[in-house]
C-alpha atoms as a PDB file:
ATOM      1  CA  UNK A   1      43.215 -60.812 -68.794  1.00  0.00           C
ATOM      2  CA  UNK A   2      41.804 -58.142 -70.960  1.00  0.00           C
ATOM      3  CA  UNK A   3      41.722 -54.810 -71.112  1.00  0.00           C
ATOM      4  CA  UNK A   4      38.271 -52.058 -72.447  1.00  0.00           C
ATOM      5  CA  UNK A   5      39.047 -48.604 -72.792  1.00  0.00           C
ATOM      6  CA  UNK A   6      36.350 -45.620 -72.294  1.00  0.00           C
ATOM      7  CA  UNK A   7      36.814 -42.157 -73.165  1.00  0.00           C
ATOM      8  CA  UNK A   8      38.059 -41.257 -75.608  1.00  0.00           C
ATOM      9  CA  UNK A   9      35.476 -38.821 -78.275  1.00  0.00           C
ATOM     10  CA  UNK A  10      36.050 -35.504 -80.386  1.00  0.00           C
ATOM     11  CA  UNK A  11      37.489 -32.466 -78.321  1.00  0.00           C
ATOM     12  CA  UNK A  12      38.189 -29.127 -80.316  1.00  0.00           C
ATOM     13  CA  UNK A  13      42.301 -27.966 -79.522  1.00  0.00           C
ATOM     14  CA  UNK A  14      43.075 -26.936 -76.336  1.00  0.00           C
ATOM     15  CA  UNK A  15      40.044 -29.158 -74.753  1.00  0.00           C
ATOM     16  CA  UNK A  16      40.841 -32.299 -72.307  1.00  0.00           C
ATOM     17  CA  UNK A  17      39.400 -35.915 -72.392  1.00  0.00           C
ATOM     18  CA  UNK A  18      40.261 -38.513 -69.455  1.00  0.00           C
ATOM     19  CA  UNK A  19      41.000 -42.725 -70.879  1.00  0.00           C
ATOM     20  CA  UNK A  20      40.077 -45.127 -68.751  1.00  0.00           C
ATOM     21  CA  UNK A  21      41.730 -49.092 -69.023  1.00  0.00           C
ATOM     22  CA  UNK A  22      39.933 -51.157 -67.538  1.00  0.00           C
ATOM     23  CA  UNK A  23      41.701 -55.179 -66.621  1.00  0.00           C
ATOM     24  CA  UNK A  24      40.153 -57.307 -65.956  1.00  0.00           C
ATOM     25  CA  UNK A  25      40.954 -61.478 -65.277  1.00  0.00           C
ATOM     26  CA  UNK A  26      44.855 -62.668 -63.388  1.00  0.00           C
ATOM     27  CA  UNK A  27      46.047 -59.138 -62.603  1.00  0.00           C
ATOM     28  CA  UNK A  28      48.492 -59.655 -59.918  1.00  0.00           C
ATOM     29  CA  UNK A  29      51.115 -60.694 -62.734  1.00  0.00           C
ATOM     30  CA  UNK A  30      50.363 -57.466 -64.615  1.00  0.00           C
ATOM     31  CA  UNK A  31      54.774 -55.170 -64.477  1.00  0.00           C
ATOM     32  CA  UNK A  32      53.284 -52.332 -66.750  1.00  0.00           C
ATOM     33  CA  UNK A  33      50.681 -50.649 -67.820  1.00  0.00           C
ATOM     34  CA  UNK A  34      51.072 -47.861 -70.251  1.00  0.00           C
ATOM     35  CA  UNK A  35      49.210 -45.719 -73.509  1.00  0.00           C
ATOM     36  CA  UNK A  36      50.056 -45.783 -76.843  1.00  0.00           C
ATOM     37  CA  UNK A  37      49.014 -44.398 -80.256  1.00  0.00           C
ATOM     38  CA  UNK A  38      48.825 -44.461 -84.253  1.00  0.00           C
ATOM     39  CA  UNK A  39      47.760 -41.906 -85.706  1.00  0.00           C
ATOM     40  CA  UNK A  40      46.999 -42.635 -89.937  1.00  0.00           C
ATOM     41  CA  UNK A  41      50.081 -43.915 -91.703  1.00  0.00           C
ATOM     42  CA  UNK A  42      52.127 -43.117 -88.872  1.00  0.00           C
ATOM     43  CA  UNK A  43      53.558 -45.866 -86.683  1.00  0.00           C
ATOM     44  CA  UNK A  44      52.618 -46.793 -82.985  1.00  0.00           C
ATOM     45  CA  UNK A  45      54.177 -44.850 -80.622  1.00  0.00           C
ATOM     46  CA  UNK A  46      54.222 -44.848 -76.570  1.00  0.00           C
ATOM     47  CA  UNK A  47      52.691 -41.802 -74.950  1.00  0.00           C
ATOM     48  CA  UNK A  48      53.515 -42.833 -71.421  1.00  0.00           C
ATOM     49  CA  UNK A  49      53.871 -45.758 -69.346  1.00  0.00           C
ATOM     50  CA  UNK A  50      53.367 -46.707 -65.356  1.00  0.00           C
ATOM     51  CA  UNK A  51      55.906 -48.819 -63.690  1.00  0.00           C
ATOM     52  CA  UNK A  52      53.984 -51.235 -60.380  1.00  0.00           C
ATOM     53  CA  UNK A  53      56.822 -49.059 -58.556  1.00  0.00           C
ATOM     54  CA  UNK A  54      54.770 -46.349 -60.215  1.00  0.00           C
ATOM     55  CA  UNK A  55      57.833 -45.192 -61.707  1.00  0.00           C
ATOM     56  CA  UNK A  56      56.339 -43.085 -64.848  1.00  0.00           C
ATOM     57  CA  UNK A  57      57.655 -41.886 -68.362  1.00  0.00           C
ATOM     58  CA  UNK A  58      56.175 -39.965 -70.862  1.00  0.00           C
ATOM     59  CA  UNK A  59      56.873 -39.188 -74.824  1.00  0.00           C
ATOM     60  CA  UNK A  60      58.680 -35.686 -75.734  1.00  0.00           C
ATOM     61  CA  UNK A  61      55.141 -34.444 -77.675  1.00  0.00           C
ATOM     62  CA  UNK A  62      53.022 -34.794 -74.370  1.00  0.00           C
ATOM     63  CA  UNK A  63      55.069 -34.376 -71.304  1.00  0.00           C
ATOM     64  CA  UNK A  64      53.569 -31.381 -69.451  1.00  0.00           C
ATOM     65  CA  UNK A  65      50.375 -32.311 -71.053  1.00  0.00           C
ATOM     66  CA  UNK A  66      49.566 -35.869 -70.068  1.00  0.00           C
ATOM     67  CA  UNK A  67      49.330 -37.720 -67.109  1.00  0.00           C
ATOM     68  CA  UNK A  68      48.982 -41.425 -66.957  1.00  0.00           C
ATOM     69  CA  UNK A  69      47.919 -42.535 -63.149  1.00  0.00           C
ATOM     70  CA  UNK A  70      46.424 -46.157 -61.856  1.00  0.00           C
ATOM     71  CA  UNK A  71      43.667 -46.915 -59.520  1.00  0.00           C
ATOM     72  CA  UNK A  72      45.058 -50.530 -58.136  1.00  0.00           C
ATOM     73  CA  UNK A  73      42.206 -51.944 -56.197  1.00  0.00           C
ATOM     74  CA  UNK A  74      40.306 -50.927 -59.706  1.00  0.00           C
ATOM     75  CA  UNK A  75      42.695 -52.113 -61.807  1.00  0.00           C
ATOM     76  CA  UNK A  76      42.136 -49.600 -63.674  1.00  0.00           C
ATOM     77  CA  UNK A  77      44.992 -47.651 -65.438  1.00  0.00           C
ATOM     78  CA  UNK A  78      44.392 -43.602 -66.907  1.00  0.00           C
ATOM     79  CA  UNK A  79      45.407 -40.678 -69.153  1.00  0.00           C
ATOM     80  CA  UNK A  80      44.505 -37.517 -68.190  1.00  0.00           C
ATOM     81  CA  UNK A  81      44.625 -35.720 -71.553  1.00  0.00           C
ATOM     82  CA  UNK A  82      45.622 -31.462 -71.102  1.00  0.00           C
ATOM     83  CA  UNK A  83      45.722 -29.386 -73.620  1.00  0.00           C
ATOM     84  CA  UNK A  84      44.990 -31.198 -76.590  1.00  0.00           C
ATOM     85  CA  UNK A  85      46.137 -30.919 -80.051  1.00  0.00           C
ATOM     86  CA  UNK A  86      45.377 -32.092 -83.812  1.00  0.00           C
ATOM     87  CA  UNK A  87      48.612 -33.740 -83.579  1.00  0.00           C
ATOM     88  CA  UNK A  88      47.461 -35.407 -80.510  1.00  0.00           C
ATOM     89  CA  UNK A  89      44.300 -37.402 -82.808  1.00  0.00           C
ATOM     90  CA  UNK A  90      45.022 -41.081 -83.535  1.00  0.00           C
ATOM     91  CA  UNK A  91      43.674 -44.477 -81.898  1.00  0.00           C
ATOM     92  CA  UNK A  92      45.411 -44.498 -78.107  1.00  0.00           C
ATOM     93  CA  UNK A  93      45.418 -48.233 -76.780  1.00  0.00           C
ATOM     94  CA  UNK A  94      46.308 -49.670 -73.274  1.00  0.00           C
ATOM     95  CA  UNK A  95      48.871 -51.942 -72.913  1.00  0.00           C
ATOM     96  CA  UNK A  96      49.824 -54.472 -70.222  1.00  0.00           C
ATOM     97  CA  UNK A  97      52.916 -56.736 -69.700  1.00  0.00           C
ATOM     98  CA  UNK A  98      54.062 -59.216 -67.444  1.00  0.00           C
ATOM     99  CA  UNK A  99      57.782 -59.607 -67.719  1.00  0.00           C
ATOM    100  CA  UNK A 100      57.299 -62.175 -64.960  1.00  0.00           C
ATOM    101  CA  UNK A 101      54.400 -64.353 -67.065  1.00  0.00           C
ATOM    102  CA  UNK A 102      56.553 -63.315 -70.475  1.00  0.00           C
ATOM    103  CA  UNK A 103      52.803 -61.771 -72.233  1.00  0.00           C
ATOM    104  CA  UNK A 104      51.769 -58.649 -73.359  1.00  0.00           C
ATOM    105  CA  UNK A 105      48.490 -57.222 -74.083  1.00  0.00           C
ATOM    106  CA  UNK A 106      46.285 -54.652 -76.177  1.00  0.00           C
ATOM    107  CA  UNK A 107      43.699 -53.344 -75.809  1.00  0.00           C
ATOM    108  CA  UNK A 108      40.711 -52.703 -78.818  1.00  0.00           C
ATOM    109  CA  UNK A 109      41.964 -48.854 -79.181  1.00  0.00           C
ATOM    110  CA  UNK A 110      39.590 -45.715 -78.980  1.00  0.00           C
ATOM    111  CA  UNK A 111      40.109 -43.155 -81.261  1.00  0.00           C
ATOM    112  CA  UNK A 112      40.559 -39.791 -80.005  1.00  0.00           C
ATOM    113  CA  UNK A 113      39.985 -36.829 -82.496  1.00  0.00           C
ATOM    114  CA  UNK A 114      40.741 -32.489 -82.078  1.00  0.00           C
ATOM    115  CA  UNK A 115      39.632 -30.298 -84.603  1.00  0.00           C
ATOM    116  CA  UNK A 116      41.443 -27.506 -85.357  1.00  0.00           C
END
């Protein structure tokens, strides 16, 4: 299983970006899909997660601004980010997890920079 992320970049505060993560390989075993981020000098943190049944959860700091979704037919998970703030600046990582097969995989990360 491999993850390929895209959609990061530089945007002004208040702007929007959409991140995409295409999953290739044995996707039938995937349970949760999510996005994490890591800012310089900080720990990696969960941004948003979507379960196999479509349930979602978000970090408090992004609720109401970010939306996670997935297209199962395209094996892609998205993160729509609106009303971006400078504190959203970080490397964003796609993450997938299989509880039954006991593995989790990280993407290579995509940089999101929000200027004030």
